[in-house]
């Protein structure tokens, strides 16, 4: 019984949820401390150390903030999001 619970915990421990702020800080690089933390997260994603779940609303919010508030061209944001999220271990 305890082995089964421990195994479930390990699996859950490697599944992370990715939220808007992490995506924005990673793409913008405008806050040094947050950029470093977001780079670590994305490196772990790239190396398949973690599996990530995010939501369509999170991507839409990131798109809106980057295009409307930061005035980044839509095509640039779309391309950056595509490149960042075309990984096997990211679920949307």
C-alpha atoms as a PDB file:
ATOM      1  CA  UNK A   1       0.000   0.000   0.000  1.00  0.00           C
ATOM      2  CA  UNK A   2       2.685   2.527   0.983  1.00  0.00           C
ATOM      3  CA  UNK A   3       4.820   1.749  -2.067  1.00  0.00           C
ATOM      4  CA  UNK A   4       1.861   2.498  -4.321  1.00  0.00           C
ATOM      5  CA  UNK A   5       1.253   5.854  -2.620  1.00  0.00           C
ATOM      6  CA  UNK A   6       4.950   6.771  -2.806  1.00  0.00           C
ATOM      7  CA  UNK A   7       5.065   5.919  -6.501  1.00  0.00           C
ATOM      8  CA  UNK A   8       1.969   8.042  -7.167  1.00  0.00           C
ATOM      9  CA  UNK A   9       3.562  10.941  -5.313  1.00  0.00           C
ATOM     10  CA  UNK A  10       6.719  10.726  -7.413  1.00  0.00           C
ATOM     11  CA  UNK A  11       4.709  10.767 -10.613  1.00  0.00           C
ATOM     12  CA  UNK A  12       2.621  13.719  -9.453  1.00  0.00           C
ATOM     13  CA  UNK A  13       5.737  15.514  -8.293  1.00  0.00           C
ATOM     14  CA  UNK A  14       7.070  15.600 -11.871  1.00  0.00           C
ATOM     15  CA  UNK A  15       3.858  17.031 -13.339  1.00  0.00           C
ATOM     16  CA  UNK A  16       3.831  20.829 -13.223  1.00  0.00           C
ATOM     17  CA  UNK A  17       1.362  23.469 -14.248  1.00  0.00           C
ATOM     18  CA  UNK A  18       2.729  26.355 -16.242  1.00  0.00           C
ATOM     19  CA  UNK A  19       1.125  29.741 -15.752  1.00  0.00           C
ATOM     20  CA  UNK A  20       1.176  33.003 -17.683  1.00  0.00           C
ATOM     21  CA  UNK A  21       3.831  34.853 -15.692  1.00  0.00           C
ATOM     22  CA  UNK A  22       6.445  32.152 -16.283  1.00  0.00           C
ATOM     23  CA  UNK A  23       5.781  32.200 -20.029  1.00  0.00           C
ATOM     24  CA  UNK A  24       5.928  36.000 -20.248  1.00  0.00           C
ATOM     25  CA  UNK A  25       9.134  36.295 -18.186  1.00  0.00           C
ATOM     26  CA  UNK A  26      10.767  33.550 -20.267  1.00  0.00           C
ATOM     27  CA  UNK A  27       9.877  35.191 -23.578  1.00  0.00           C
ATOM     28  CA  UNK A  28      10.563  38.789 -22.526  1.00  0.00           C
ATOM     29  CA  UNK A  29      13.551  38.353 -20.243  1.00  0.00           C
ATOM     30  CA  UNK A  30      12.677  41.677 -18.608  1.00  0.00           C
ATOM     31  CA  UNK A  31      13.161  40.623 -14.985  1.00  0.00           C
ATOM     32  CA  UNK A  32      16.513  38.967 -14.308  1.00  0.00           C
ATOM     33  CA  UNK A  33      15.492  36.853 -11.297  1.00  0.00           C
ATOM     34  CA  UNK A  34      12.248  35.647 -12.901  1.00  0.00           C
ATOM     35  CA  UNK A  35      14.020  35.026 -16.210  1.00  0.00           C
ATOM     36  CA  UNK A  36      16.540  32.724 -14.527  1.00  0.00           C
ATOM     37  CA  UNK A  37      13.793  30.770 -12.775  1.00  0.00           C
ATOM     38  CA  UNK A  38      11.771  30.448 -15.976  1.00  0.00           C
ATOM     39  CA  UNK A  39      14.883  29.298 -17.886  1.00  0.00           C
ATOM     40  CA  UNK A  40      15.395  26.534 -15.346  1.00  0.00           C
ATOM     41  CA  UNK A  41      11.791  25.424 -15.832  1.00  0.00           C
ATOM     42  CA  UNK A  42      12.067  25.437 -19.616  1.00  0.00           C
ATOM     43  CA  UNK A  43      15.430  23.602 -19.487  1.00  0.00           C
ATOM     44  CA  UNK A  44      13.788  20.907 -17.352  1.00  0.00           C
ATOM     45  CA  UNK A  45      10.990  20.713 -19.920  1.00  0.00           C
ATOM     46  CA  UNK A  46      13.508  20.449 -22.761  1.00  0.00           C
ATOM     47  CA  UNK A  47      15.401  17.669 -20.957  1.00  0.00           C
ATOM     48  CA  UNK A  48      12.094  15.909 -20.153  1.00  0.00           C
ATOM     49  CA  UNK A  49      12.775  16.099 -16.416  1.00  0.00           C
ATOM     50  CA  UNK A  50       9.233  17.333 -15.869  1.00  0.00           C
ATOM     51  CA  UNK A  51       5.930  17.006 -17.636  1.00  0.00           C
ATOM     52  CA  UNK A  52       3.959  20.190 -17.958  1.00  0.00           C
ATOM     53  CA  UNK A  53       0.303  20.976 -18.185  1.00  0.00           C
ATOM     54  CA  UNK A  54      -1.041  24.354 -19.159  1.00  0.00           C
ATOM     55  CA  UNK A  55      -4.360  25.681 -20.343  1.00  0.00           C
ATOM     56  CA  UNK A  56      -5.539  27.377 -23.519  1.00  0.00           C
ATOM     57  CA  UNK A  57      -6.556  30.368 -21.408  1.00  0.00           C
ATOM     58  CA  UNK A  58      -2.991  30.712 -20.125  1.00  0.00           C
ATOM     59  CA  UNK A  59      -1.645  30.822 -23.679  1.00  0.00           C
ATOM     60  CA  UNK A  60      -4.329  33.297 -24.718  1.00  0.00           C
ATOM     61  CA  UNK A  61      -3.546  35.516 -21.735  1.00  0.00           C
ATOM     62  CA  UNK A  62       0.173  35.421 -22.555  1.00  0.00           C
ATOM     63  CA  UNK A  63      -0.621  36.270 -26.181  1.00  0.00           C
ATOM     64  CA  UNK A  64      -2.850  39.176 -25.134  1.00  0.00           C
ATOM     65  CA  UNK A  65      -0.336  40.621 -22.658  1.00  0.00           C
ATOM     66  CA  UNK A  66       2.574  40.335 -25.088  1.00  0.00           C
ATOM     67  CA  UNK A  67       0.710  41.861 -28.037  1.00  0.00           C
ATOM     68  CA  UNK A  68      -1.434  44.493 -26.314  1.00  0.00           C
ATOM     69  CA  UNK A  69       0.609  45.596 -23.299  1.00  0.00           C
ATOM     70  CA  UNK A  70       4.148  45.030 -24.607  1.00  0.00           C
ATOM     71  CA  UNK A  71       3.198  45.774 -28.253  1.00  0.00           C
ATOM     72  CA  UNK A  72       5.086  42.800 -29.673  1.00  0.00           C
ATOM     73  CA  UNK A  73       3.932  41.917 -33.196  1.00  0.00           C
ATOM     74  CA  UNK A  74       1.385  39.099 -33.280  1.00  0.00           C
ATOM     75  CA  UNK A  75       3.397  36.921 -35.668  1.00  0.00           C
ATOM     76  CA  UNK A  76       6.458  37.115 -33.403  1.00  0.00           C
ATOM     77  CA  UNK A  77       4.428  36.068 -30.367  1.00  0.00           C
ATOM     78  CA  UNK A  78       2.769  33.210 -32.254  1.00  0.00           C
ATOM     79  CA  UNK A  79       6.137  31.927 -33.467  1.00  0.00           C
ATOM     80  CA  UNK A  80       7.697  32.159 -29.982  1.00  0.00           C
ATOM     81  CA  UNK A  81       4.759  30.322 -28.412  1.00  0.00           C
ATOM     82  CA  UNK A  82       4.859  27.605 -31.087  1.00  0.00           C
ATOM     83  CA  UNK A  83       8.571  27.008 -30.591  1.00  0.00           C
ATOM     84  CA  UNK A  84       8.263  27.015 -26.802  1.00  0.00           C
ATOM     85  CA  UNK A  85       5.303  24.638 -26.661  1.00  0.00           C
ATOM     86  CA  UNK A  86       6.026  22.056 -29.357  1.00  0.00           C
ATOM     87  CA  UNK A  87       7.374  19.540 -26.860  1.00  0.00           C
ATOM     88  CA  UNK A  88       6.149  16.006 -26.217  1.00  0.00           C
ATOM     89  CA  UNK A  89       5.962  16.539 -22.475  1.00  0.00           C
ATOM     90  CA  UNK A  90       3.699  19.619 -22.564  1.00  0.00           C
ATOM     91  CA  UNK A  91      -0.064  19.145 -22.463  1.00  0.00           C
ATOM     92  CA  UNK A  92      -2.416  21.964 -23.334  1.00  0.00           C
END
